[in-house]
Amino acid sequence: MKATRRRTRSGGYVMIVLIVAVAVLSVFMLMAVPLWQTTMQREAEEELIFRARQYVAAIGLYVKNHHNLYPQNFEILHLEKFLRQLYPDPMSADGRWDMVFMDASGGEAKYLVVPPHLAHAYFTRAALIGVCSTSPETAFREYRGKKKYNEWAFYLGEKENEKMPELHYEGGV
């Protein structure tokens, strides 16, 4: 009978210690989640910049190899091996990029951000020179003076140390 009581009493202490340990571990896990989310978002931002620059480099190579003709879409960059793969936008849910066009028809260079389904209307007057994220989320870092991902345009001739030029969003972007 005494042996049974000792097991029950010591079993109760072990259970209390286990509950306290789980509670402490849970608090530490809850503290780690925001840090983990921040780290993941910062990594996604770096990936966004890397992927966008891959598109810009591919457009530059395409222009050079096609006697100053600009591509009509991103798929041709992949098909002609200027781009390893069609990289999705890591910040948007659907992975879609908007296209950045340069329109110099009015004398002054104007940067247009156009969704792909409307791009056909711009090829006659503007050149496809880059990409822009479609995510309206606020970034942790600032890129060329802009805090939202859909304001981060990456394009040929971009000067990283200068403020982002004014972007004109076409088609309800």
N, C-alpha and C. Protein backbone atom coordinates (compact mmCIF):
# COMPACT_ATOMS: atom_id res chain seq x y z
N MET A 1 0.81 -1.18 0.00
CA MET A 1 0.00 0.00 0.00
C MET A 1 0.86 1.26 0.00
N LYS A 2 1.96 1.27 0.78
CA LYS A 2 2.84 2.43 0.82
C LYS A 2 3.51 2.68 -0.52
N ALA A 3 3.89 1.64 -1.22
CA ALA A 3 4.55 1.78 -2.52
C ALA A 3 3.61 2.45 -3.52
N THR A 4 2.32 2.14 -3.47
CA THR A 4 1.34 2.72 -4.38
C THR A 4 1.20 4.22 -4.12
N ARG A 5 1.16 4.61 -2.85
CA ARG A 5 1.04 6.04 -2.50
C ARG A 5 2.25 6.83 -2.99
N ARG A 6 3.42 6.27 -2.84
CA ARG A 6 4.63 6.98 -3.27
C ARG A 6 4.62 7.21 -4.78
N ARG A 7 4.19 6.23 -5.54
CA ARG A 7 4.12 6.38 -6.99
C ARG A 7 3.13 7.47 -7.36
N THR A 8 2.00 7.52 -6.73
CA THR A 8 0.97 8.50 -7.02
C THR A 8 1.48 9.90 -6.69
N ARG A 9 2.09 10.07 -5.53
CA ARG A 9 2.61 11.38 -5.13
C ARG A 9 3.72 11.83 -6.08
N SER A 10 4.68 10.97 -6.37
CA SER A 10 5.77 11.35 -7.26
C SER A 10 5.24 11.54 -8.68
N GLY A 11 4.23 10.79 -9.06
CA GLY A 11 3.61 10.96 -10.38
C GLY A 11 2.93 12.31 -10.49
N GLY A 12 2.36 12.81 -9.41
CA GLY A 12 1.73 14.12 -9.40
C GLY A 12 2.74 15.23 -9.58
N TYR A 13 3.91 15.11 -8.92
CA TYR A 13 4.96 16.12 -9.07
C TYR A 13 5.51 16.13 -10.49
N VAL A 14 5.68 14.98 -11.05
CA VAL A 14 6.18 14.88 -12.43
C VAL A 14 5.19 15.53 -13.38
N MET A 15 3.91 15.31 -13.14
CA MET A 15 2.88 15.91 -13.99
C MET A 15 2.90 17.43 -13.89
N ILE A 16 3.07 17.96 -12.69
CA ILE A 16 3.13 19.42 -12.50
C ILE A 16 4.36 20.00 -13.19
N VAL A 17 5.49 19.35 -13.02
CA VAL A 17 6.72 19.80 -13.69
C VAL A 17 6.54 19.77 -15.20
N LEU A 18 5.92 18.73 -15.71
CA LEU A 18 5.68 18.61 -17.14
C LEU A 18 4.76 19.72 -17.64
N ILE A 19 3.71 20.04 -16.91
CA ILE A 19 2.79 21.12 -17.30
C ILE A 19 3.50 22.46 -17.30
N VAL A 20 4.32 22.72 -16.27
CA VAL A 20 5.08 23.98 -16.21
C VAL A 20 6.07 24.05 -17.38
N ALA A 21 6.73 22.96 -17.68
CA ALA A 21 7.70 22.93 -18.79
C ALA A 21 7.00 23.22 -20.12
N VAL A 22 5.84 22.62 -20.34
CA VAL A 22 5.08 22.86 -21.57
C VAL A 22 4.64 24.32 -21.65
N ALA A 23 4.21 24.89 -20.52
CA ALA A 23 3.79 26.30 -20.50
C ALA A 23 4.97 27.22 -20.84
N VAL A 24 6.13 26.98 -20.25
CA VAL A 24 7.31 27.80 -20.51
C VAL A 24 7.73 27.65 -21.98
N LEU A 25 7.72 26.44 -22.48
CA LEU A 25 8.07 26.19 -23.88
C LEU A 25 7.10 26.90 -24.81
N SER A 26 5.83 26.89 -24.48
CA SER A 26 4.82 27.58 -25.30
C SER A 26 5.07 29.08 -25.35
N VAL A 27 5.42 29.67 -24.21
CA VAL A 27 5.73 31.11 -24.18
C VAL A 27 6.92 31.42 -25.07
N PHE A 28 7.96 30.61 -24.99
CA PHE A 28 9.14 30.83 -25.84
C PHE A 28 8.79 30.67 -27.32
N MET A 29 7.95 29.72 -27.65
CA MET A 29 7.54 29.52 -29.04
C MET A 29 6.74 30.72 -29.54
N LEU A 30 5.85 31.25 -28.70
CA LEU A 30 5.06 32.42 -29.09
C LEU A 30 5.96 33.64 -29.30
N MET A 31 7.02 33.75 -28.54
CA MET A 31 7.96 34.85 -28.71
C MET A 31 8.77 34.68 -29.99
N ALA A 32 9.01 33.46 -30.41
CA ALA A 32 9.84 33.20 -31.59
C ALA A 32 9.07 33.38 -32.90
N VAL A 33 7.75 33.26 -32.89
CA VAL A 33 6.96 33.33 -34.12
C VAL A 33 7.14 34.67 -34.84
N PRO A 34 7.00 35.83 -34.18
CA PRO A 34 7.20 37.08 -34.91
C PRO A 34 8.61 37.21 -35.49
N LEU A 35 9.61 36.76 -34.75
CA LEU A 35 10.98 36.81 -35.25
C LEU A 35 11.11 35.94 -36.49
N TRP A 36 10.53 34.76 -36.44
CA TRP A 36 10.57 33.85 -37.58
C TRP A 36 9.85 34.46 -38.78
N GLN A 37 8.68 35.08 -38.56
CA GLN A 37 7.94 35.71 -39.66
C GLN A 37 8.73 36.86 -40.27
N THR A 38 9.38 37.64 -39.44
CA THR A 38 10.21 38.75 -39.93
C THR A 38 11.35 38.22 -40.78
N THR A 39 12.00 37.19 -40.30
CA THR A 39 13.11 36.59 -41.04
C THR A 39 12.63 36.06 -42.38
N MET A 40 11.49 35.39 -42.39
CA MET A 40 10.94 34.84 -43.64
C MET A 40 10.59 35.95 -44.63
N GLN A 41 10.02 37.06 -44.14
CA GLN A 41 9.66 38.15 -45.04
C GLN A 41 10.92 38.83 -45.59
N ARG A 42 11.92 38.99 -44.78
CA ARG A 42 13.17 39.59 -45.26
C ARG A 42 13.82 38.70 -46.33
N GLU A 43 13.76 37.40 -46.14
CA GLU A 43 14.31 36.48 -47.14
C GLU A 43 13.49 36.55 -48.43
N ALA A 44 12.18 36.67 -48.30
CA ALA A 44 11.33 36.80 -49.49
C ALA A 44 11.62 38.10 -50.23
N GLU A 45 11.92 39.18 -49.49
CA GLU A 45 12.29 40.44 -50.13
C GLU A 45 13.57 40.30 -50.93
N GLU A 46 14.55 39.62 -50.36
CA GLU A 46 15.80 39.38 -51.07
C GLU A 46 15.55 38.54 -52.33
N GLU A 47 14.67 37.56 -52.20
CA GLU A 47 14.32 36.72 -53.34
C GLU A 47 13.60 37.53 -54.41
N LEU A 48 12.74 38.44 -54.00
CA LEU A 48 12.04 39.33 -54.94
C LEU A 48 13.06 40.13 -55.76
N ILE A 49 14.02 40.71 -55.09
CA ILE A 49 15.04 41.51 -55.78
C ILE A 49 15.86 40.64 -56.73
N PHE A 50 16.26 39.46 -56.26
CA PHE A 50 17.04 38.55 -57.12
C PHE A 50 16.26 38.16 -58.36
N ARG A 51 15.01 37.73 -58.19
CA ARG A 51 14.21 37.28 -59.34
C ARG A 51 13.93 38.41 -60.31
N ALA A 52 13.61 39.59 -59.79
CA ALA A 52 13.33 40.73 -60.66
C ALA A 52 14.57 41.09 -61.48
N ARG A 53 15.72 41.04 -60.85
CA ARG A 53 16.95 41.36 -61.59
C ARG A 53 17.29 40.29 -62.62
N GLN A 54 16.84 39.07 -62.41
CA GLN A 54 17.01 38.03 -63.42
C GLN A 54 16.22 38.39 -64.67
N TYR A 55 15.00 38.88 -64.48
CA TYR A 55 14.19 39.31 -65.61
C TYR A 55 14.84 40.48 -66.34
N VAL A 56 15.33 41.45 -65.60
CA VAL A 56 15.96 42.63 -66.21
C VAL A 56 17.20 42.22 -67.00
N ALA A 57 18.03 41.36 -66.43
CA ALA A 57 19.22 40.88 -67.13
C ALA A 57 18.83 40.14 -68.41
N ALA A 58 17.78 39.34 -68.33
CA ALA A 58 17.32 38.59 -69.51
C ALA A 58 16.82 39.54 -70.59
N ILE A 59 16.09 40.58 -70.20
CA ILE A 59 15.62 41.56 -71.18
C ILE A 59 16.81 42.26 -71.83
N GLY A 60 17.81 42.63 -71.04
CA GLY A 60 19.01 43.26 -71.58
C GLY A 60 19.73 42.38 -72.59
N LEU A 61 19.86 41.10 -72.28
CA LEU A 61 20.50 40.17 -73.21
C LEU A 61 19.67 39.99 -74.48
N TYR A 62 18.36 39.93 -74.31
CA TYR A 62 17.47 39.79 -75.46
C TYR A 62 17.63 41.00 -76.40
N VAL A 63 17.61 42.18 -75.84
CA VAL A 63 17.75 43.41 -76.64
C VAL A 63 19.10 43.41 -77.38
N LYS A 64 20.14 43.04 -76.68
CA LYS A 64 21.48 43.01 -77.28
C LYS A 64 21.56 42.01 -78.43
N ASN A 65 20.96 40.84 -78.25
CA ASN A 65 21.04 39.79 -79.27
C ASN A 65 20.01 39.93 -80.38
N HIS A 66 19.05 40.82 -80.23
CA HIS A 66 18.01 41.01 -81.25
C HIS A 66 18.05 42.43 -81.84
N HIS A 67 19.25 43.00 -81.90
CA HIS A 67 19.47 44.30 -82.56
C HIS A 67 18.52 45.38 -82.06
N ASN A 68 18.49 45.56 -80.75
CA ASN A 68 17.70 46.60 -80.07
C ASN A 68 16.18 46.42 -80.20
N LEU A 69 15.73 45.22 -80.45
CA LEU A 69 14.29 44.92 -80.38
C LEU A 69 14.00 44.41 -78.98
N TYR A 70 12.86 44.82 -78.45
CA TYR A 70 12.48 44.44 -77.09
C TYR A 70 11.54 43.24 -77.13
N PRO A 71 11.58 42.40 -76.09
CA PRO A 71 10.70 41.22 -76.07
C PRO A 71 9.24 41.63 -75.95
N GLN A 72 8.35 40.74 -76.43
CA GLN A 72 6.92 40.99 -76.37
C GLN A 72 6.26 40.37 -75.15
N ASN A 73 6.98 39.49 -74.46
CA ASN A 73 6.46 38.87 -73.24
C ASN A 73 7.61 38.20 -72.49
N PHE A 74 7.32 37.70 -71.33
CA PHE A 74 8.35 37.04 -70.52
C PHE A 74 8.63 35.62 -71.02
N GLU A 75 7.63 34.98 -71.60
CA GLU A 75 7.79 33.60 -72.06
C GLU A 75 8.88 33.48 -73.11
N ILE A 76 8.99 34.48 -73.99
CA ILE A 76 10.02 34.42 -75.03
C ILE A 76 11.42 34.45 -74.43
N LEU A 77 11.58 35.12 -73.30
CA LEU A 77 12.88 35.14 -72.64
C LEU A 77 13.28 33.75 -72.17
N HIS A 78 12.29 33.00 -71.72
CA HIS A 78 12.54 31.62 -71.27
C HIS A 78 12.75 30.69 -72.48
N LEU A 79 11.91 30.83 -73.48
CA LEU A 79 12.01 29.97 -74.66
C LEU A 79 13.34 30.13 -75.40
N GLU A 80 13.85 31.35 -75.43
CA GLU A 80 15.11 31.61 -76.12
C GLU A 80 16.32 31.52 -75.18
N LYS A 81 16.10 30.98 -74.00
CA LYS A 81 17.16 30.67 -73.03
C LYS A 81 17.88 31.91 -72.47
N PHE A 82 17.19 33.04 -72.42
CA PHE A 82 17.75 34.20 -71.75
C PHE A 82 17.40 34.18 -70.27
N LEU A 83 16.41 33.38 -69.93
CA LEU A 83 15.94 33.25 -68.56
C LEU A 83 15.80 31.76 -68.27
N ARG A 84 16.41 31.32 -67.18
CA ARG A 84 16.38 29.90 -66.82
C ARG A 84 14.97 29.35 -66.65
N GLN A 85 14.15 30.13 -65.99
CA GLN A 85 12.76 29.74 -65.75
C GLN A 85 11.94 31.00 -65.57
N LEU A 86 10.63 30.86 -65.64
CA LEU A 86 9.73 31.99 -65.38
C LEU A 86 9.53 32.06 -63.87
N TYR A 87 10.28 32.93 -63.25
CA TYR A 87 10.24 33.03 -61.79
C TYR A 87 8.95 33.71 -61.34
N PRO A 88 8.23 33.13 -60.40
CA PRO A 88 7.04 33.80 -59.86
C PRO A 88 7.45 34.92 -58.89
N ASP A 89 6.57 35.89 -58.77
CA ASP A 89 6.77 36.97 -57.80
C ASP A 89 6.59 36.36 -56.40
N PRO A 90 7.62 36.35 -55.57
CA PRO A 90 7.51 35.70 -54.25
C PRO A 90 6.62 36.44 -53.25
N MET A 91 6.25 37.67 -53.55
CA MET A 91 5.46 38.45 -52.61
C MET A 91 3.97 38.42 -52.92
N SER A 92 3.58 38.02 -54.10
CA SER A 92 2.16 38.00 -54.45
C SER A 92 1.62 36.58 -54.38
N ALA A 93 0.36 36.46 -54.07
CA ALA A 93 -0.27 35.14 -53.90
C ALA A 93 -0.29 34.34 -55.20
N ASP A 94 -0.52 35.01 -56.32
CA ASP A 94 -0.61 34.29 -57.59
C ASP A 94 0.72 34.22 -58.34
N GLY A 95 1.76 34.88 -57.83
CA GLY A 95 3.08 34.82 -58.46
C GLY A 95 3.21 35.67 -59.71
N ARG A 96 2.21 36.46 -60.01
CA ARG A 96 2.19 37.26 -61.25
C ARG A 96 3.00 38.54 -61.07
N TRP A 97 3.73 38.90 -62.12
CA TRP A 97 4.46 40.17 -62.18
C TRP A 97 3.70 41.14 -63.06
N ASP A 98 3.80 42.41 -62.77
CA ASP A 98 3.37 43.43 -63.72
C ASP A 98 4.58 43.75 -64.59
N MET A 99 4.30 44.25 -65.79
CA MET A 99 5.36 44.61 -66.74
C MET A 99 5.67 46.09 -66.63
N VAL A 100 6.94 46.42 -66.74
CA VAL A 100 7.35 47.83 -66.75
C VAL A 100 7.73 48.18 -68.18
N PHE A 101 7.07 49.19 -68.71
CA PHE A 101 7.33 49.69 -70.06
C PHE A 101 7.93 51.08 -69.97
N MET A 102 8.75 51.43 -70.96
CA MET A 102 9.21 52.80 -71.09
C MET A 102 8.54 53.38 -72.33
N ASP A 103 7.81 54.45 -72.11
CA ASP A 103 7.14 55.15 -73.19
C ASP A 103 7.84 56.48 -73.39
N ALA A 104 8.53 56.63 -74.52
CA ALA A 104 9.23 57.88 -74.81
C ALA A 104 8.56 58.61 -75.95
N SER A 105 7.32 58.25 -76.25
CA SER A 105 6.63 58.86 -77.39
C SER A 105 6.32 60.34 -77.19
N GLY A 106 6.18 60.78 -75.95
CA GLY A 106 5.88 62.19 -75.67
C GLY A 106 7.13 63.02 -75.50
N GLY A 107 8.29 62.50 -75.84
CA GLY A 107 9.54 63.22 -75.69
C GLY A 107 10.24 62.90 -74.38
N GLU A 108 9.51 62.86 -73.29
CA GLU A 108 10.08 62.54 -71.98
C GLU A 108 9.80 61.08 -71.65
N ALA A 109 10.81 60.40 -71.10
CA ALA A 109 10.63 58.98 -70.73
C ALA A 109 9.62 58.86 -69.60
N LYS A 110 8.68 57.96 -69.80
CA LYS A 110 7.62 57.72 -68.82
C LYS A 110 7.61 56.23 -68.52
N TYR A 111 7.63 55.87 -67.24
CA TYR A 111 7.63 54.47 -66.84
C TYR A 111 6.20 54.03 -66.56
N LEU A 112 5.76 53.04 -67.30
CA LEU A 112 4.40 52.52 -67.17
C LEU A 112 4.43 51.15 -66.52
N VAL A 113 3.57 50.92 -65.55
CA VAL A 113 3.43 49.59 -64.92
C VAL A 113 2.10 49.04 -65.41
N VAL A 114 2.18 47.91 -66.12
CA VAL A 114 1.01 47.37 -66.83
C VAL A 114 0.83 45.90 -66.48
N PRO A 115 -0.41 45.49 -66.16
CA PRO A 115 -0.65 44.05 -65.95
C PRO A 115 -0.50 43.30 -67.28
N PRO A 116 -0.03 42.06 -67.25
CA PRO A 116 0.22 41.31 -68.49
C PRO A 116 -0.97 41.21 -69.43
N HIS A 117 -2.20 41.12 -68.89
CA HIS A 117 -3.36 40.96 -69.77
C HIS A 117 -3.67 42.23 -70.57
N LEU A 118 -3.06 43.35 -70.23
CA LEU A 118 -3.25 44.60 -70.98
C LEU A 118 -2.02 44.99 -71.79
N ALA A 119 -0.96 44.22 -71.69
CA ALA A 119 0.32 44.59 -72.30
C ALA A 119 0.25 44.74 -73.81
N HIS A 120 -0.60 43.97 -74.50
CA HIS A 120 -0.65 44.02 -75.96
C HIS A 120 -0.93 45.43 -76.48
N ALA A 121 -1.62 46.24 -75.72
CA ALA A 121 -1.96 47.60 -76.14
C ALA A 121 -0.76 48.55 -76.04
N TYR A 122 0.31 48.15 -75.36
CA TYR A 122 1.44 49.04 -75.14
C TYR A 122 2.65 48.73 -76.02
N PHE A 123 2.68 47.57 -76.65
CA PHE A 123 3.86 47.18 -77.43
C PHE A 123 4.10 48.07 -78.64
N THR A 124 3.08 48.70 -79.18
CA THR A 124 3.26 49.55 -80.35
C THR A 124 3.89 50.90 -80.00
N ARG A 125 3.78 51.32 -78.76
CA ARG A 125 4.30 52.65 -78.39
C ARG A 125 5.34 52.64 -77.28
N ALA A 126 5.57 51.50 -76.64
CA ALA A 126 6.49 51.44 -75.51
C ALA A 126 7.30 50.14 -75.56
N ALA A 127 8.40 50.15 -74.83
CA ALA A 127 9.29 48.99 -74.78
C ALA A 127 9.22 48.32 -73.42
N LEU A 128 9.10 46.99 -73.43
CA LEU A 128 9.12 46.21 -72.20
C LEU A 128 10.54 46.21 -71.65
N ILE A 129 10.73 46.83 -70.47
CA ILE A 129 12.08 46.98 -69.93
C ILE A 129 12.26 46.36 -68.54
N GLY A 130 11.17 45.85 -67.94
CA GLY A 130 11.35 45.30 -66.60
C GLY A 130 10.10 44.73 -65.98
N VAL A 131 10.16 44.51 -64.67
CA VAL A 131 9.07 43.92 -63.91
C VAL A 131 8.81 44.71 -62.64
N CYS A 132 7.63 44.49 -62.09
CA CYS A 132 7.22 45.12 -60.84
C CYS A 132 6.33 44.13 -60.09
N SER A 133 6.50 44.03 -58.80
CA SER A 133 5.67 43.14 -58.00
C SER A 133 4.22 43.61 -58.02
N THR A 134 3.30 42.70 -57.83
CA THR A 134 1.87 43.06 -57.77
C THR A 134 1.37 43.15 -56.33
N SER A 135 2.23 42.85 -55.36
CA SER A 135 1.80 42.84 -53.96
C SER A 135 1.73 44.26 -53.39
N PRO A 136 0.58 44.63 -52.81
CA PRO A 136 0.46 45.96 -52.21
C PRO A 136 0.96 46.02 -50.76
N GLU A 137 1.54 44.94 -50.27
CA GLU A 137 2.00 44.87 -48.87
C GLU A 137 3.16 45.83 -48.62
N THR A 138 3.29 46.24 -47.37
CA THR A 138 4.39 47.11 -46.96
C THR A 138 5.61 46.26 -46.63
N ALA A 139 6.75 46.70 -47.10
CA ALA A 139 8.00 45.97 -46.91
C ALA A 139 8.66 46.34 -45.59
N PHE A 140 9.61 45.51 -45.15
CA PHE A 140 10.42 45.84 -43.99
C PHE A 140 11.46 46.87 -44.36
N ARG A 141 12.01 46.70 -45.54
CA ARG A 141 13.04 47.63 -45.98
C ARG A 141 12.48 48.61 -46.99
N GLU A 142 13.24 49.62 -47.24
CA GLU A 142 12.86 50.61 -48.24
C GLU A 142 13.75 50.37 -49.45
N TYR A 143 13.15 50.36 -50.63
CA TYR A 143 13.92 50.15 -51.85
C TYR A 143 13.79 51.40 -52.72
N ARG A 144 14.87 52.11 -52.88
CA ARG A 144 14.92 53.33 -53.68
C ARG A 144 13.83 54.32 -53.28
N GLY A 145 13.60 54.44 -51.97
CA GLY A 145 12.65 55.41 -51.45
C GLY A 145 11.21 54.91 -51.39
N LYS A 146 10.96 53.65 -51.70
CA LYS A 146 9.60 53.10 -51.72
C LYS A 146 9.46 52.00 -50.68
N LYS A 147 8.28 51.95 -50.03
CA LYS A 147 8.04 50.98 -48.96
C LYS A 147 7.08 49.86 -49.34
N LYS A 148 6.36 49.97 -50.44
CA LYS A 148 5.42 48.92 -50.85
C LYS A 148 6.01 48.14 -52.02
N TYR A 149 5.77 46.84 -52.02
CA TYR A 149 6.36 45.98 -53.04
C TYR A 149 5.91 46.36 -54.45
N ASN A 150 4.65 46.78 -54.61
CA ASN A 150 4.18 47.13 -55.96
C ASN A 150 4.70 48.49 -56.43
N GLU A 151 5.53 49.13 -55.61
CA GLU A 151 6.21 50.37 -56.02
C GLU A 151 7.68 50.10 -56.35
N TRP A 152 8.11 48.86 -56.17
CA TRP A 152 9.49 48.48 -56.46
C TRP A 152 9.57 48.04 -57.92
N ALA A 153 9.96 48.93 -58.80
CA ALA A 153 10.11 48.60 -60.21
C ALA A 153 11.58 48.27 -60.49
N PHE A 154 11.79 47.25 -61.30
CA PHE A 154 13.13 46.83 -61.70
C PHE A 154 13.15 46.88 -63.22
N TYR A 155 14.10 47.61 -63.80
CA TYR A 155 14.06 47.83 -65.24
C TYR A 155 15.46 48.12 -65.77
N LEU A 156 15.61 48.04 -67.10
CA LEU A 156 16.88 48.34 -67.75
C LEU A 156 17.27 49.79 -67.46
N GLY A 157 18.51 50.01 -67.17
CA GLY A 157 19.00 51.36 -66.91
C GLY A 157 18.72 51.86 -65.51
N GLU A 158 18.21 51.01 -64.67
CA GLU A 158 17.90 51.40 -63.29
C GLU A 158 19.17 51.80 -62.56
N LYS A 159 19.08 52.88 -61.79
CA LYS A 159 20.20 53.33 -60.97
C LYS A 159 19.82 53.13 -59.51
N GLU A 160 20.41 52.11 -58.90
CA GLU A 160 20.04 51.70 -57.54
C GLU A 160 20.24 52.78 -56.48
N ASN A 161 21.17 53.69 -56.70
CA ASN A 161 21.46 54.71 -55.68
C ASN A 161 20.58 55.95 -55.84
N GLU A 162 19.67 55.96 -56.80
CA GLU A 162 18.77 57.09 -57.00
C GLU A 162 17.36 56.72 -56.57
N LYS A 163 16.57 57.72 -56.25
CA LYS A 163 15.15 57.49 -55.90
C LYS A 163 14.42 56.89 -57.09
N MET A 164 13.37 56.14 -56.79
CA MET A 164 12.54 55.54 -57.83
C MET A 164 11.85 56.67 -58.61
N PRO A 165 11.89 56.61 -59.94
CA PRO A 165 11.18 57.64 -60.70
C PRO A 165 9.67 57.45 -60.54
N GLU A 166 8.92 58.41 -60.98
CA GLU A 166 7.46 58.30 -60.90
C GLU A 166 6.99 57.17 -61.82
N LEU A 167 6.18 56.31 -61.27
CA LEU A 167 5.61 55.19 -62.03
C LEU A 167 4.17 55.52 -62.35
N HIS A 168 3.74 55.20 -63.56
CA HIS A 168 2.36 55.42 -63.97
C HIS A 168 1.70 54.05 -64.08
N TYR A 169 0.70 53.84 -63.26
CA TYR A 169 0.03 52.54 -63.21
C TYR A 169 -1.12 52.56 -64.20
N GLU A 170 -1.06 51.63 -65.13
CA GLU A 170 -2.05 51.57 -66.20
C GLU A 170 -3.03 50.43 -65.96
N GLY A 171 -4.23 50.60 -66.38
CA GLY A 171 -5.23 49.53 -66.32
C GLY A 171 -5.70 49.19 -64.93
N GLY A 172 -5.76 50.14 -64.03
CA GLY A 172 -6.28 49.88 -62.70
C GLY A 172 -5.36 49.06 -61.84
N VAL A 173 -4.07 49.17 -62.04
CA VAL A 173 -3.09 48.40 -61.26
C VAL A 173 -3.10 48.89 -59.83
